[in-house]
Protein backbone atom coordinates (compact mmCIF):
# COMPACT_ATOMS: atom_id res chain seq x y z
CA UNK A 1 194.44 121.99 -113.28
CA UNK A 2 196.61 119.20 -112.72
CA UNK A 3 196.91 117.65 -109.15
CA UNK A 4 200.10 119.76 -108.04
CA UNK A 5 201.45 117.47 -105.97
CA UNK A 6 201.54 114.95 -108.89
CA UNK A 7 201.28 117.13 -111.21
CA UNK A 8 198.70 115.08 -113.30
CA UNK A 9 197.37 116.37 -116.18
CA UNK A 10 194.73 114.21 -117.12
CA UNK A 11 194.37 112.73 -120.32
CA UNK A 12 191.38 113.75 -122.79
CA UNK A 13 189.74 110.30 -124.11
CA UNK A 14 190.19 111.66 -127.63
CA UNK A 15 193.96 112.16 -127.15
CA UNK A 16 194.32 109.55 -125.40
CA UNK A 17 193.03 107.29 -128.48
CA UNK A 18 195.41 109.41 -131.02
CA UNK A 19 198.56 108.51 -128.69
CA UNK A 20 197.48 104.73 -128.89
CA UNK A 21 197.64 105.33 -132.75
CA UNK A 22 200.25 107.14 -133.36
CA UNK A 23 202.20 104.11 -131.39
CA UNK A 24 200.56 101.53 -133.83
CA UNK A 25 202.25 103.12 -137.39
CA UNK A 26 205.43 102.83 -135.90
CA UNK A 27 205.19 98.94 -134.41
CA UNK A 28 203.67 95.43 -134.90
CA UNK A 29 200.70 94.63 -132.87
CA UNK A 30 201.09 94.15 -129.42
CA UNK A 31 201.17 91.10 -127.10
CA UNK A 32 201.56 94.16 -123.63
CA UNK A 33 200.71 97.50 -123.27
CA UNK A 34 202.13 98.90 -119.97
CA UNK A 35 200.49 102.65 -118.80
CA UNK A 36 203.25 103.40 -116.08
CA UNK A 37 201.58 106.68 -114.68
CA UNK A 38 197.63 105.55 -115.76
CA UNK A 39 195.90 108.15 -113.63
CA UNK A 40 192.07 108.02 -114.46
CA UNK A 41 193.34 105.35 -117.17
CA UNK A 42 191.84 107.39 -120.23
CA UNK A 43 195.00 105.70 -122.40
CA UNK A 44 194.34 102.22 -120.58
CA UNK A 45 190.94 102.70 -122.42
CA UNK A 46 191.86 103.68 -125.37
CA UNK A 47 194.03 100.50 -125.25
CA UNK A 48 192.11 97.85 -124.79
CA UNK A 49 189.69 99.45 -127.53
CA UNK A 50 192.19 100.25 -130.21
CA UNK A 51 194.57 96.73 -129.51
CA UNK A 52 191.87 94.07 -128.98
CA UNK A 53 194.52 91.53 -128.92
CA UNK A 54 196.75 92.61 -126.13
CA UNK A 55 196.98 92.67 -122.56
CA UNK A 56 196.90 96.34 -121.22
CA UNK A 57 198.67 96.86 -117.59
CA UNK A 58 198.06 100.11 -115.69
CA UNK A 59 200.18 101.36 -112.85
CA UNK A 60 199.16 104.09 -110.26
CA UNK A 61 200.02 106.06 -107.18
CA UNK A 62 196.99 107.53 -106.13
CA UNK A 63 193.89 105.59 -104.66
CA UNK A 64 190.85 107.32 -105.85
CA UNK A 65 192.05 107.20 -109.53
CA UNK A 66 192.75 103.79 -109.12
CA UNK A 67 189.39 103.04 -107.79
CA UNK A 68 187.88 104.96 -110.28
CA UNK A 69 189.61 102.82 -113.11
CA UNK A 70 188.62 99.33 -110.84
CA UNK A 71 184.51 101.20 -111.12
CA UNK A 72 184.56 102.04 -114.43
CA UNK A 73 182.44 99.28 -116.04
CA UNK A 74 185.23 97.61 -117.83
CA UNK A 75 184.87 93.84 -117.00
CA UNK A 76 187.34 93.60 -119.71
CA UNK A 77 190.04 90.35 -118.49
CA UNK A 78 192.64 91.79 -120.30
CA UNK A 79 193.12 94.58 -117.68
CA UNK A 80 194.97 94.56 -114.51
CA UNK A 81 195.29 97.40 -112.89
CA UNK A 82 198.21 98.10 -110.11
CA UNK A 83 197.97 101.23 -107.20
CA UNK A 84 201.76 101.41 -106.51
CA UNK A 85 204.07 104.15 -105.95
CA UNK A 86 206.02 104.38 -109.79
CA UNK A 87 209.49 104.66 -107.56
CA UNK A 88 209.07 101.37 -105.41
CA UNK A 89 207.41 99.22 -108.12
CA UNK A 90 209.49 96.46 -108.97
CA UNK A 91 209.75 97.34 -113.03
CA UNK A 92 212.65 94.76 -114.40
CA UNK A 93 210.29 92.13 -112.89
CA UNK A 94 207.40 93.02 -114.69
CA UNK A 95 209.18 93.96 -118.27
CA UNK A 96 210.85 90.71 -118.07
CA UNK A 97 207.35 88.78 -117.65
CA UNK A 98 205.19 90.39 -119.81
CA UNK A 99 205.10 89.43 -123.12
CA UNK A 100 206.25 90.95 -125.97
CA UNK A 101 205.69 92.86 -128.42
CA UNK A 102 205.53 95.53 -125.74
CA UNK A 103 204.29 98.77 -125.98
CA UNK A 104 204.89 102.05 -122.84
CA UNK A 105 202.24 104.41 -123.71
CA UNK A 106 201.71 107.04 -121.37
CA UNK A 107 201.32 110.47 -119.72
CA UNK A 108 204.04 110.77 -117.09
CA UNK A 109 203.69 114.16 -114.38
CA UNK A 110 204.43 117.45 -115.73
CA UNK A 111 206.26 118.98 -112.59
CA UNK A 112 209.60 119.51 -111.60
CA UNK A 113 211.80 117.68 -108.66
CA UNK A 114 212.52 121.38 -106.87
CA UNK A 115 208.80 122.16 -106.98
CA UNK A 116 208.11 118.44 -105.47
CA UNK A 117 211.23 119.36 -102.91
CA UNK A 118 209.67 122.58 -102.14
CA UNK A 119 206.06 121.35 -101.25
CA UNK A 120 207.51 118.55 -99.04
CA UNK A 121 206.17 115.76 -101.45
CA UNK A 122 208.43 112.21 -101.27
CA UNK A 123 207.34 111.14 -104.93
CA UNK A 124 210.72 111.59 -106.54
CA UNK A 125 213.34 109.43 -108.07
CA UNK A 126 216.05 108.75 -106.28
CA UNK A 127 218.96 111.02 -107.01
CA UNK A 128 221.35 111.00 -109.56
CA UNK A 129 223.83 112.91 -111.10
CA UNK A 130 222.57 114.46 -114.29
CA UNK A 131 224.33 114.03 -116.94
CA UNK A 132 226.55 116.84 -118.75
CA UNK A 133 226.70 119.07 -116.21
CA UNK A 134 229.59 120.67 -114.68
CA UNK A 135 229.49 121.66 -110.67
CA UNK A 136 228.27 125.78 -111.52
CA UNK A 137 225.91 124.92 -113.88
CA UNK A 138 224.02 122.55 -111.23
CA UNK A 139 224.37 125.53 -108.54
CA UNK A 140 222.92 127.64 -110.73
CA UNK A 141 219.39 125.36 -111.66
CA UNK A 142 220.18 123.27 -114.73
CA UNK A 143 219.89 120.41 -112.22
CA UNK A 144 216.60 121.08 -111.77
CA UNK A 145 214.55 118.49 -114.11
CA UNK A 146 211.15 117.21 -114.92
CA UNK A 147 209.80 114.45 -113.01
CA UNK A 148 208.71 113.20 -116.41
CA UNK A 149 212.25 112.99 -117.96
CA UNK A 150 213.36 110.51 -115.19
CA UNK A 151 210.77 108.27 -115.75
CA UNK A 152 210.48 108.54 -120.18
CA UNK A 153 214.72 107.68 -120.17
CA UNK A 154 213.17 104.47 -117.73
CA UNK A 155 210.76 103.61 -120.51
CA UNK A 156 213.19 103.76 -123.02
CA UNK A 157 215.48 101.38 -121.07
CA UNK A 158 212.88 99.12 -120.93
CA UNK A 159 211.58 99.59 -124.47
CA UNK A 160 215.08 99.48 -126.03
CA UNK A 161 216.12 96.37 -124.15
CA UNK A 162 212.86 94.22 -125.49
CA UNK A 163 212.28 96.34 -128.91
CA UNK A 164 209.49 98.01 -127.67
CA UNK A 165 207.29 101.02 -128.73
CA UNK A 166 206.63 103.68 -126.54
CA UNK A 167 204.44 106.52 -127.25
CA UNK A 168 204.53 109.37 -124.73
CA UNK A 169 203.06 112.95 -123.61
CA UNK A 170 205.32 115.12 -122.68
CA UNK A 171 206.83 119.03 -123.41
CA UNK A 172 208.75 119.35 -126.22
CA UNK A 173 211.29 120.30 -124.20
CA UNK A 174 211.69 117.25 -122.15
CA UNK A 175 211.31 115.09 -125.74
CA UNK A 176 214.25 116.79 -126.82
CA UNK A 177 216.35 116.40 -123.86
CA UNK A 178 215.60 112.01 -123.29
CA UNK A 179 215.78 111.80 -127.21
CA UNK A 180 219.32 114.07 -126.88
CA UNK A 181 220.36 111.99 -123.84
CA UNK A 182 219.82 108.60 -125.98
CA UNK A 183 221.56 109.61 -128.71
CA UNK A 184 224.65 110.32 -126.80
CA UNK A 185 224.62 107.05 -125.05
CA UNK A 186 223.47 104.42 -127.55
CA UNK A 187 224.80 104.09 -131.28
CA UNK A 188 221.77 102.28 -132.62
CA UNK A 189 218.90 104.95 -132.85
CA UNK A 190 215.36 103.94 -132.89
CA UNK A 191 213.21 105.48 -135.05
CA UNK A 192 211.54 108.56 -133.97
CA UNK A 193 208.99 110.72 -134.01
CA UNK A 194 207.02 113.89 -132.52
CA UNK A 195 203.75 115.33 -132.77
CA UNK A 196 202.93 118.24 -132.20
CA UNK A 197 199.33 118.67 -129.76
CA UNK A 198 198.23 122.25 -128.15
CA UNK A 199 198.17 121.87 -124.76
CA UNK A 200 196.40 124.59 -123.79
CA UNK A 201 193.15 122.92 -125.93
CA UNK A 202 194.03 119.76 -124.20
CA UNK A 203 195.06 120.51 -120.94
CA UNK A 204 194.64 124.14 -120.07
CA UNK A 205 198.66 124.44 -120.10
CA UNK A 206 200.83 127.40 -121.43
CA UNK A 207 203.79 124.90 -122.23
CA UNK A 208 204.69 123.67 -125.61
CA UNK A 209 203.42 119.59 -126.14
CA UNK A 210 204.02 116.89 -127.80
CA UNK A 211 203.64 112.73 -128.54
CA UNK A 212 207.24 111.55 -128.88
CA UNK A 213 207.01 108.08 -130.24
CA UNK A 214 210.02 105.79 -130.62
CA UNK A 215 210.08 102.79 -132.48
CA UNK A 216 213.00 100.14 -131.05
CA UNK A 217 212.27 97.78 -133.37
CA UNK A 218 213.32 100.14 -135.79
CA UNK A 219 216.81 100.67 -135.27
CA UNK A 220 220.57 102.44 -136.79
CA UNK A 221 218.71 105.38 -137.96
CA UNK A 222 220.81 108.70 -138.29
CA UNK A 223 220.04 110.18 -134.85
CA UNK A 224 217.10 112.43 -136.02
CA UNK A 225 213.83 113.06 -135.23
CA UNK A 226 210.99 114.50 -137.10
CA UNK A 227 208.61 116.38 -136.38
CA UNK A 228 204.87 116.44 -137.33
CA UNK A 229 202.43 119.08 -136.98
CA UNK A 230 200.05 117.30 -135.15
CA UNK A 231 198.76 113.92 -134.71
CA UNK A 232 196.87 113.34 -137.41
CA UNK A 233 199.82 114.29 -140.05
CA UNK A 234 201.02 111.92 -142.22
CA UNK A 235 203.95 114.62 -143.49
CA UNK A 236 207.03 116.24 -141.48
CA UNK A 237 207.42 119.72 -141.61
CA UNK A 238 210.88 119.70 -140.12
CA UNK A 239 213.72 117.29 -137.76
CA UNK A 240 216.20 117.85 -135.49
CA UNK A 241 219.34 115.79 -134.61
CA UNK A 242 222.38 114.85 -133.36
CA UNK A 243 224.88 116.01 -135.16
CA UNK A 244 228.54 116.76 -134.30
CA UNK A 245 228.02 115.83 -130.43
CA UNK A 246 225.21 119.21 -130.56
CA UNK A 247 221.48 118.93 -130.65
CA UNK A 248 220.44 120.75 -134.01
CA UNK A 249 216.42 122.56 -134.38
CA UNK A 250 217.77 121.87 -137.99
CA UNK A 251 219.66 119.28 -139.64
CA UNK A 252 219.90 120.44 -143.31
CA UNK A 253 220.42 123.75 -142.40
CA UNK A 254 223.09 123.15 -139.62
CA UNK A 255 224.82 121.31 -142.42
CA UNK A 256 224.81 124.14 -144.83
CA UNK A 257 226.18 126.52 -141.80
CA UNK A 258 228.85 123.76 -140.67
CA UNK A 259 232.09 125.86 -142.22
CA UNK A 260 231.38 128.93 -139.11
CA UNK A 261 231.80 125.57 -136.56
CA UNK A 262 234.20 126.13 -134.35
CA UNK A 263 235.07 128.49 -130.97
CA UNK A 264 234.20 131.93 -130.42
CA UNK A 265 236.43 134.88 -129.64
CA UNK A 266 235.96 136.41 -127.45
CA UNK A 267 233.88 134.39 -125.89
CA UNK A 268 230.22 135.04 -125.14
CA UNK A 269 229.61 136.00 -121.08
CA UNK A 270 226.45 136.17 -119.26
CA UNK A 271 225.67 139.13 -117.70
CA UNK A 272 225.70 139.76 -113.70
CA UNK A 273 224.14 137.29 -111.12
CA UNK A 274 223.22 138.67 -107.92
CA UNK A 275 220.07 138.09 -106.81
CA UNK A 276 219.37 141.10 -104.81
CA UNK A 277 218.15 143.83 -107.52
CA UNK A 278 216.72 145.46 -103.91
CA UNK A 279 220.06 146.71 -102.78
CA UNK A 280 222.17 146.79 -105.84
CA UNK A 281 219.60 147.88 -108.87
CA UNK A 282 219.46 151.29 -108.72
CA UNK A 283 217.17 154.21 -111.02
CA UNK A 284 217.59 158.12 -111.19
CA UNK A 285 215.18 159.93 -110.99
CA UNK A 286 214.96 163.77 -111.66
CA UNK A 287 218.13 163.64 -110.75
CA UNK A 288 218.59 161.19 -108.01
CA UNK A 289 219.18 157.51 -106.90
CA UNK A 290 216.56 155.64 -106.29
CA UNK A 291 216.17 151.66 -104.76
CA UNK A 292 213.31 149.51 -106.50
CA UNK A 293 211.64 150.34 -103.28
CA UNK A 294 211.73 154.26 -104.07
CA UNK A 295 213.97 155.01 -101.48
CA UNK A 296 216.92 157.70 -102.38
CA UNK A 297 220.30 156.77 -102.03
CA UNK A 298 223.35 158.46 -101.77
CA UNK A 299 226.70 155.64 -102.96
CA UNK A 300 230.01 156.61 -104.08
CA UNK A 301 230.27 156.42 -108.42
CA UNK A 302 233.62 154.06 -108.06
CA UNK A 303 231.65 151.23 -107.58
CA UNK A 304 228.04 152.23 -110.15
CA UNK A 305 227.68 151.38 -113.76
CA UNK A 306 225.21 152.06 -116.19
CA UNK A 307 223.15 149.05 -116.29
CA UNK A 308 221.35 147.56 -119.04
CA UNK A 309 218.40 144.28 -118.79
CA UNK A 310 217.63 142.36 -121.42
CA UNK A 311 213.94 143.74 -121.83
CA UNK A 312 216.05 147.43 -122.63
CA UNK A 313 218.55 146.83 -124.19
CA UNK A 314 218.12 148.69 -127.03
CA UNK A 315 216.83 152.05 -124.49
CA UNK A 316 219.91 154.19 -124.99
CA UNK A 317 218.20 157.15 -123.00
CA UNK A 318 218.06 154.14 -119.97
CA UNK A 319 218.24 155.60 -116.37
CA UNK A 320 219.22 151.96 -114.38
CA UNK A 321 222.30 151.48 -112.59
CA UNK A 322 224.28 148.29 -110.62
CA UNK A 323 226.24 148.75 -107.81
CA UNK A 324 229.24 146.21 -109.28
CA UNK A 325 230.71 145.85 -105.16
CA UNK A 326 233.87 144.04 -106.85
CA UNK A 327 234.79 145.20 -109.63
CA UNK A 328 237.96 141.82 -109.45
CA UNK A 329 237.31 138.77 -107.98
CA UNK A 330 240.43 138.38 -106.96
CA UNK A 331 240.35 140.03 -103.87
CA UNK A 332 239.24 138.20 -100.63
CA UNK A 333 236.27 139.89 -98.95
CA UNK A 334 238.41 142.08 -96.56
CA UNK A 335 240.43 143.56 -99.53
CA UNK A 336 236.42 143.91 -100.75
CA UNK A 337 235.36 145.63 -98.34
CA UNK A 338 238.33 148.61 -98.35
CA UNK A 339 238.07 148.86 -102.15
CA UNK A 340 234.33 150.20 -102.09
CA UNK A 341 233.86 153.92 -101.49
CA UNK A 342 232.49 154.52 -97.90
CA UNK A 343 228.90 155.76 -98.84
CA UNK A 344 228.27 152.66 -100.83
CA UNK A 345 229.88 150.90 -98.18
CA UNK A 346 226.65 152.70 -95.94
CA UNK A 347 224.61 151.28 -98.03
CA UNK A 348 225.36 147.93 -98.68
CA UNK A 349 225.34 147.20 -95.01
CA UNK A 350 222.52 149.09 -94.63
CA UNK A 351 220.88 146.29 -96.93
CA UNK A 352 222.47 143.24 -95.26
CA UNK A 353 219.47 141.36 -94.93
CA UNK A 354 218.95 141.39 -98.95
CA UNK A 355 222.14 139.21 -99.03
CA UNK A 356 221.84 137.44 -96.76
CA UNK A 357 218.49 136.51 -97.96
CA UNK A 358 219.94 134.61 -101.19
CA UNK A 359 219.05 130.82 -101.25
CA UNK A 360 222.01 130.38 -104.01
CA UNK A 361 224.97 128.38 -102.73
CA UNK A 362 227.15 130.51 -105.71
CA UNK A 363 227.57 133.11 -103.15
CA UNK A 364 228.71 131.11 -99.96
CA UNK A 365 232.32 131.67 -100.21
CA UNK A 366 232.51 135.49 -101.80
CA UNK A 367 231.07 137.12 -98.29
CA UNK A 368 228.69 139.35 -97.86
CA UNK A 369 228.01 141.30 -100.81
CA UNK A 370 229.62 138.43 -103.39
CA UNK A 371 227.96 138.24 -107.09
CA UNK A 372 229.03 136.52 -109.93
CA UNK A 373 229.59 136.67 -113.68
CA UNK A 374 232.10 139.48 -113.30
CA UNK A 375 235.61 139.46 -115.21
CA UNK A 376 237.71 141.90 -117.16
CA UNK A 377 235.72 141.38 -120.00
CA UNK A 378 233.00 143.20 -118.17
CA UNK A 379 234.45 146.43 -118.48
CA UNK A 380 235.69 146.42 -121.40
CA UNK A 381 233.98 149.89 -123.15
CA UNK A 382 232.34 147.95 -126.41
CA UNK A 383 230.08 145.43 -126.09
CA UNK A 384 227.76 143.41 -128.60
CA UNK A 385 224.23 141.63 -126.67
CA UNK A 386 221.71 139.20 -127.00
CA UNK A 387 218.61 138.88 -124.78
CA UNK A 388 218.58 135.74 -123.90
CA UNK A 389 214.59 135.25 -122.66
CA UNK A 390 213.12 136.41 -126.41
CA UNK A 391 212.25 134.89 -129.42
CA UNK A 392 214.92 136.62 -132.06
CA UNK A 393 218.61 136.72 -133.00
CA UNK A 394 217.95 140.49 -132.42
CA UNK A 395 222.11 141.55 -131.72
CA UNK A 396 222.59 145.39 -130.44
CA UNK A 397 225.85 147.49 -130.44
CA UNK A 398 226.21 148.83 -126.80
CA UNK A 399 228.98 151.47 -125.97
CA UNK A 400 229.71 152.99 -122.87
CA UNK A 401 227.50 155.51 -121.09
CA UNK A 402 228.48 158.77 -119.15
CA UNK A 403 232.28 157.42 -119.44
CA UNK A 404 231.82 154.58 -118.11
CA UNK A 405 231.15 150.91 -119.35
CA UNK A 406 227.82 149.66 -119.48
CA UNK A 407 226.96 146.00 -117.57
CA UNK A 408 224.01 144.01 -117.84
CA UNK A 409 222.18 141.11 -115.58
CA UNK A 410 222.21 137.80 -116.17
CA UNK A 411 219.33 137.45 -118.74
CA UNK A 412 221.88 138.94 -121.23
CA UNK A 413 224.45 137.20 -123.30
CA UNK A 414 227.68 139.35 -124.95
CA UNK A 415 230.65 139.77 -126.33
CA UNK A 416 233.12 142.67 -125.42
CA UNK A 417 235.81 145.03 -126.97
CA UNK A 418 237.88 147.49 -126.62
CA UNK A 419 237.01 149.09 -129.38
CA UNK A 420 233.54 150.65 -131.80
CA UNK A 421 235.35 149.20 -134.62
CA UNK A 422 235.73 145.57 -133.74
CA UNK A 423 233.00 145.52 -131.88
CA UNK A 424 230.63 147.16 -135.34
CA UNK A 425 232.70 144.53 -137.35
CA UNK A 426 231.08 141.41 -134.83
CA UNK A 427 227.46 142.98 -135.17
CA UNK A 428 227.73 143.29 -138.55
CA UNK A 429 229.29 139.39 -138.91
CA UNK A 430 226.52 138.39 -136.63
CA UNK A 431 223.96 139.96 -138.42
CA UNK A 432 224.52 138.24 -141.85
CA UNK A 433 222.16 136.05 -143.18
CA UNK A 434 224.14 132.44 -143.36
CA UNK A 435 224.88 133.16 -139.63
CA UNK A 436 222.22 134.16 -138.72
CA UNK A 437 220.74 130.83 -140.10
CA UNK A 438 223.00 129.12 -139.06
CA UNK A 439 222.05 130.32 -135.23
CA UNK A 440 218.78 129.60 -135.89
CA UNK A 441 219.58 126.02 -136.79
CA UNK A 442 220.32 125.00 -133.33
CA UNK A 443 217.95 127.53 -131.64
CA UNK A 444 214.87 125.63 -129.66
CA UNK A 445 212.45 129.13 -130.09
CA UNK A 446 210.45 126.91 -127.05
CA UNK A 447 213.01 126.82 -124.60
CA UNK A 448 212.89 129.23 -121.73
CA UNK A 449 216.03 130.52 -123.13
CA UNK A 450 215.88 129.87 -126.17
CA UNK A 451 219.40 131.69 -126.95
CA UNK A 452 222.17 130.28 -125.11
CA UNK A 453 225.58 131.08 -124.94
CA UNK A 454 227.25 127.40 -125.66
CA UNK A 455 225.20 128.31 -128.44
CA UNK A 456 226.57 130.87 -129.18
CA UNK A 457 230.17 130.02 -128.59
CA UNK A 458 230.05 127.71 -131.38
CA UNK A 459 230.72 130.17 -134.52
CA UNK A 460 233.81 131.56 -135.11
CA UNK A 461 233.22 134.75 -137.04
CA UNK A 462 236.80 134.76 -137.83
CA UNK A 463 235.64 132.41 -140.42
CA UNK A 464 232.99 134.39 -141.71
CA UNK A 465 233.86 136.61 -144.55
């Protein structure tokens, strides 16, 4: 297990050697190898053994790791180890000073900025705006990022400045994010590979991980990264890349489906975000409505709608319901209160503390009972829906229940229609093999939310015969 404040999963010796060998496959022999977060030094030791001509420099924040490496019996004068804070170290001076060619190798921390801030840690990068995030995305969590992503961006810039090579252990999602960031900003793409590793075996971690290897000595390539099944593989099993302004999971399949590229009409929407399940979500048990805590409630039907979550999209007999306090977001807070049925208002006021505990800033302007993700599309009778968290393209037709439109939580994305025939026509196109293949070409199934609205909205169903 890692030290949680620093997120350091120490690299096993065998994997450390494999990382150094992978760098050698794509580079000239290095004069200098830098490990910017060297921990106990397994990659430093592997670099000394595998590259006897190179000077090897390790930087580490934690004193006990530095002392362990210095006292490990290594008497090689090529090794230098600095005890320093990564975010305070003068990297520019070091990179300028060392002999080239340069390799940067490592296994940076597997932890997010929000986790560290929540733990009160100061081991954080300087704040900077995250690229391509709109205001609402930042407010709803997309601005949270892995510390390793910030570090690897640095390494890319250092390597690019001297035609260097890097080999880094990281989550697959982090590797893709960094490559996308670079592909967007720089016309000359480095040669790039990903070799998959078993994080459970090496680190006891249930994440999709890899060794990302990039050579800036080999430039001008297409913005494509080949994916290899393991660190020994000579043949890639797939490739992803940057095409039409998107990062796509399968470049050939994407190009085949490109005639469908456009803008979805209607737009795919996310279900309702409220963070107040103990007040707003109800279940009918033996004919009585009860809260998640099991308390029986008596509310008006005006603001009560059948609810489907991502986990029960196909349960046509679901007895979940959601109180939607505001069916018209143009209303002021005072108008909202006046429009809520008397019994429902009593229930909401009794649960005011549930609403006051919500931390997200998106609720601040809307008053006590505000929710997010409601519009005219919410209340259309027919929908085609899909769960965002599941590893399949399983679209479901949803019609009215008890003469009311079904609403969804924010783990569901959906299209809305006035008529059943329109919804069925859209579902038929979405289930066609050609559209399924095109969508799969853009989806990375190891993401926490593999299905995303920005991917779904790229398909223009009017172009599908």
